[in-house]
């Protein structure tokens, strides 16, 4: 049984917008840091954004700051990633992940992303930005 289920990917033109959704159990939403990663063919996994379970603090990779927004809807048990002003370099498979031990301050750090075994992963959703 999948603990995290992503949706919302697709094809969009440069400058366009998409909203990704990550549906999770209420337990995960309440006690786990949840975030988004992406991985393009031939490239390493990259942390994009995350949100804390206790205070809702948010963090973003420099490459998406000012364009992406992460938010949590407790009523729907869902974490969203609103992506605006999309660029061709945003093309990737996007994955939702959750971890109870990690805080938002290091959840998407490159070193942690490359070494830590995150508790849960979603199945991924393709985002393609092309004209």
C-alpha atoms as a PDB file:
ATOM      1  CA  UNK A   1       0.000   0.000   0.000  1.00  0.00           C
ATOM      2  CA  UNK A   2       1.435   3.294  -1.077  1.00  0.00           C
ATOM      3  CA  UNK A   3       1.804   5.797   1.729  1.00  0.00           C
ATOM      4  CA  UNK A   4       2.386   8.723  -0.595  1.00  0.00           C
ATOM      5  CA  UNK A   5       0.506   9.204  -3.862  1.00  0.00           C
ATOM      6  CA  UNK A   6       1.518  11.959  -6.266  1.00  0.00           C
ATOM      7  CA  UNK A   7      -0.545  13.493  -9.032  1.00  0.00           C
ATOM      8  CA  UNK A   8      -0.647  16.602 -11.160  1.00  0.00           C
ATOM      9  CA  UNK A   9       2.256  16.213 -13.549  1.00  0.00           C
ATOM     10  CA  UNK A  10       1.999  16.840 -17.264  1.00  0.00           C
ATOM     11  CA  UNK A  11       3.209  18.822 -20.257  1.00  0.00           C
ATOM     12  CA  UNK A  12       3.323  22.597 -20.011  1.00  0.00           C
ATOM     13  CA  UNK A  13       4.871  25.390 -22.049  1.00  0.00           C
ATOM     14  CA  UNK A  14       7.704  27.516 -20.659  1.00  0.00           C
ATOM     15  CA  UNK A  15       6.296  30.163 -18.380  1.00  0.00           C
ATOM     16  CA  UNK A  16       3.309  28.005 -17.515  1.00  0.00           C
ATOM     17  CA  UNK A  17       2.183  26.542 -14.200  1.00  0.00           C
ATOM     18  CA  UNK A  18       1.412  23.172 -12.693  1.00  0.00           C
ATOM     19  CA  UNK A  19       0.343  22.040  -9.253  1.00  0.00           C
ATOM     20  CA  UNK A  20       1.566  18.729  -7.912  1.00  0.00           C
ATOM     21  CA  UNK A  21      -0.277  16.920  -5.130  1.00  0.00           C
ATOM     22  CA  UNK A  22       1.033  14.421  -2.605  1.00  0.00           C
ATOM     23  CA  UNK A  23      -1.724  12.592  -0.731  1.00  0.00           C
ATOM     24  CA  UNK A  24      -0.630  11.087   2.566  1.00  0.00           C
ATOM     25  CA  UNK A  25      -2.129   9.597   5.699  1.00  0.00           C
ATOM     26  CA  UNK A  26      -2.997  11.954   8.513  1.00  0.00           C
ATOM     27  CA  UNK A  27      -0.331  10.318  10.675  1.00  0.00           C
ATOM     28  CA  UNK A  28       2.363  11.106   8.154  1.00  0.00           C
ATOM     29  CA  UNK A  29       1.117  14.636   7.727  1.00  0.00           C
ATOM     30  CA  UNK A  30       1.158  15.217  11.485  1.00  0.00           C
ATOM     31  CA  UNK A  31       4.548  13.706  12.330  1.00  0.00           C
ATOM     32  CA  UNK A  32       6.732  13.642   9.220  1.00  0.00           C
ATOM     33  CA  UNK A  33       8.576  16.261   7.275  1.00  0.00           C
ATOM     34  CA  UNK A  34       7.304  16.012   3.697  1.00  0.00           C
ATOM     35  CA  UNK A  35       9.083  17.261   0.631  1.00  0.00           C
ATOM     36  CA  UNK A  36       9.612  17.067  -3.086  1.00  0.00           C
ATOM     37  CA  UNK A  37      12.581  15.811  -5.063  1.00  0.00           C
ATOM     38  CA  UNK A  38      13.166  15.582  -8.766  1.00  0.00           C
ATOM     39  CA  UNK A  39      15.416  13.512 -10.944  1.00  0.00           C
ATOM     40  CA  UNK A  40      16.051  13.976 -14.639  1.00  0.00           C
ATOM     41  CA  UNK A  41      17.633  11.278 -16.824  1.00  0.00           C
ATOM     42  CA  UNK A  42      21.366  11.106 -16.256  1.00  0.00           C
ATOM     43  CA  UNK A  43      21.255  13.501 -13.323  1.00  0.00           C
ATOM     44  CA  UNK A  44      21.387  13.088  -9.579  1.00  0.00           C
ATOM     45  CA  UNK A  45      18.323  13.420  -7.428  1.00  0.00           C
ATOM     46  CA  UNK A  46      17.743  17.022  -6.403  1.00  0.00           C
ATOM     47  CA  UNK A  47      15.815  18.283  -3.412  1.00  0.00           C
ATOM     48  CA  UNK A  48      13.223  20.884  -4.413  1.00  0.00           C
ATOM     49  CA  UNK A  49      11.217  21.873  -1.355  1.00  0.00           C
ATOM     50  CA  UNK A  50       9.923  20.632   1.975  1.00  0.00           C
ATOM     51  CA  UNK A  51       7.510  21.535   4.750  1.00  0.00           C
ATOM     52  CA  UNK A  52       7.701  20.765   8.438  1.00  0.00           C
ATOM     53  CA  UNK A  53       5.024  18.888  10.339  1.00  0.00           C
ATOM     54  CA  UNK A  54       5.067  20.927  13.552  1.00  0.00           C
ATOM     55  CA  UNK A  55       5.447  24.559  12.521  1.00  0.00           C
ATOM     56  CA  UNK A  56       4.903  24.345   8.770  1.00  0.00           C
ATOM     57  CA  UNK A  57       8.296  25.853   8.052  1.00  0.00           C
ATOM     58  CA  UNK A  58       9.235  25.672   4.395  1.00  0.00           C
ATOM     59  CA  UNK A  59      12.492  25.411   2.505  1.00  0.00           C
ATOM     60  CA  UNK A  60      13.333  25.674  -1.173  1.00  0.00           C
ATOM     61  CA  UNK A  61      16.231  24.917  -3.450  1.00  0.00           C
ATOM     62  CA  UNK A  62      17.803  28.066  -4.863  1.00  0.00           C
ATOM     63  CA  UNK A  63      16.824  26.967  -8.357  1.00  0.00           C
ATOM     64  CA  UNK A  64      13.094  27.214  -7.568  1.00  0.00           C
ATOM     65  CA  UNK A  65      12.904  30.043  -5.017  1.00  0.00           C
ATOM     66  CA  UNK A  66      10.357  32.637  -6.008  1.00  0.00           C
ATOM     67  CA  UNK A  67       8.711  30.284  -8.505  1.00  0.00           C
ATOM     68  CA  UNK A  68       7.582  27.250  -6.463  1.00  0.00           C
ATOM     69  CA  UNK A  69       5.427  27.219  -3.338  1.00  0.00           C
ATOM     70  CA  UNK A  70       4.851  24.270  -1.037  1.00  0.00           C
ATOM     71  CA  UNK A  71       1.756  24.128   1.127  1.00  0.00           C
ATOM     72  CA  UNK A  72      -0.147  21.673   3.273  1.00  0.00           C
ATOM     73  CA  UNK A  73      -3.912  21.155   3.426  1.00  0.00           C
ATOM     74  CA  UNK A  74      -4.641  19.217   6.604  1.00  0.00           C
ATOM     75  CA  UNK A  75      -8.323  18.820   5.753  1.00  0.00           C
ATOM     76  CA  UNK A  76      -7.398  16.943   2.591  1.00  0.00           C
ATOM     77  CA  UNK A  77      -4.282  15.216   3.969  1.00  0.00           C
ATOM     78  CA  UNK A  78      -2.354  16.585   1.020  1.00  0.00           C
ATOM     79  CA  UNK A  79       0.829  18.524   0.391  1.00  0.00           C
ATOM     80  CA  UNK A  80       0.923  20.663  -2.732  1.00  0.00           C
ATOM     81  CA  UNK A  81       3.753  22.024  -4.839  1.00  0.00           C
ATOM     82  CA  UNK A  82       2.611  24.993  -6.887  1.00  0.00           C
ATOM     83  CA  UNK A  83       5.055  25.537  -9.730  1.00  0.00           C
ATOM     84  CA  UNK A  84       4.918  28.830 -11.628  1.00  0.00           C
ATOM     85  CA  UNK A  85       7.048  30.308 -14.397  1.00  0.00           C
ATOM     86  CA  UNK A  86       8.224  26.848 -15.328  1.00  0.00           C
ATOM     87  CA  UNK A  87      11.419  26.480 -17.336  1.00  0.00           C
ATOM     88  CA  UNK A  88      12.651  23.672 -19.595  1.00  0.00           C
ATOM     89  CA  UNK A  89      15.246  22.806 -16.951  1.00  0.00           C
ATOM     90  CA  UNK A  90      12.413  21.961 -14.544  1.00  0.00           C
ATOM     91  CA  UNK A  91      11.619  18.947 -16.706  1.00  0.00           C
ATOM     92  CA  UNK A  92      11.994  15.890 -14.517  1.00  0.00           C
ATOM     93  CA  UNK A  93      10.212  13.166 -12.609  1.00  0.00           C
ATOM     94  CA  UNK A  94       9.022  14.651  -9.338  1.00  0.00           C
ATOM     95  CA  UNK A  95       8.820  12.510  -6.220  1.00  0.00           C
ATOM     96  CA  UNK A  96       7.165  13.146  -2.901  1.00  0.00           C
ATOM     97  CA  UNK A  97       9.033  11.887   0.164  1.00  0.00           C
ATOM     98  CA  UNK A  98       8.461  11.802   3.905  1.00  0.00           C
ATOM     99  CA  UNK A  99      10.765  11.252   6.840  1.00  0.00           C
ATOM    100  CA  UNK A 100      10.135  11.398  10.565  1.00  0.00           C
ATOM    101  CA  UNK A 101      13.717  11.889  11.726  1.00  0.00           C
ATOM    102  CA  UNK A 102      14.713  14.737   9.439  1.00  0.00           C
ATOM    103  CA  UNK A 103      13.876  18.351  10.158  1.00  0.00           C
ATOM    104  CA  UNK A 104      12.978  20.745   7.366  1.00  0.00           C
ATOM    105  CA  UNK A 105      16.364  22.433   7.746  1.00  0.00           C
ATOM    106  CA  UNK A 106      18.217  19.463   6.241  1.00  0.00           C
ATOM    107  CA  UNK A 107      15.510  17.453   4.481  1.00  0.00           C
ATOM    108  CA  UNK A 108      16.525  18.590   0.969  1.00  0.00           C
ATOM    109  CA  UNK A 109      20.212  19.265   1.573  1.00  0.00           C
ATOM    110  CA  UNK A 110      22.338  17.617  -1.138  1.00  0.00           C
ATOM    111  CA  UNK A 111      24.392  15.615   1.332  1.00  0.00           C
ATOM    112  CA  UNK A 112      21.342  14.235   3.132  1.00  0.00           C
ATOM    113  CA  UNK A 113      19.527  13.555  -0.126  1.00  0.00           C
ATOM    114  CA  UNK A 114      22.462  11.502  -1.334  1.00  0.00           C
ATOM    115  CA  UNK A 115      22.957   9.424   1.793  1.00  0.00           C
ATOM    116  CA  UNK A 116      19.759   9.176   3.825  1.00  0.00           C
ATOM    117  CA  UNK A 117      17.173   6.440   3.504  1.00  0.00           C
ATOM    118  CA  UNK A 118      13.910   8.367   3.542  1.00  0.00           C
ATOM    119  CA  UNK A 119      10.991   6.605   5.226  1.00  0.00           C
ATOM    120  CA  UNK A 120       8.502   6.864   2.367  1.00  0.00           C
ATOM    121  CA  UNK A 121       8.535   7.684  -1.326  1.00  0.00           C
ATOM    122  CA  UNK A 122       5.785   8.188  -3.812  1.00  0.00           C
ATOM    123  CA  UNK A 123       5.745   6.643  -7.267  1.00  0.00           C
ATOM    124  CA  UNK A 124       6.716   9.840  -9.071  1.00  0.00           C
ATOM    125  CA  UNK A 125       4.984  12.072 -11.596  1.00  0.00           C
ATOM    126  CA  UNK A 126       6.448  13.364 -14.854  1.00  0.00           C
ATOM    127  CA  UNK A 127       6.711  17.096 -15.456  1.00  0.00           C
ATOM    128  CA  UNK A 128       7.717  18.195 -18.955  1.00  0.00           C
ATOM    129  CA  UNK A 129       8.272  21.844 -19.829  1.00  0.00           C
ATOM    130  CA  UNK A 130       8.513  22.308 -23.563  1.00  0.00           C
ATOM    131  CA  UNK A 131       7.172  24.455 -26.352  1.00  0.00           C
END
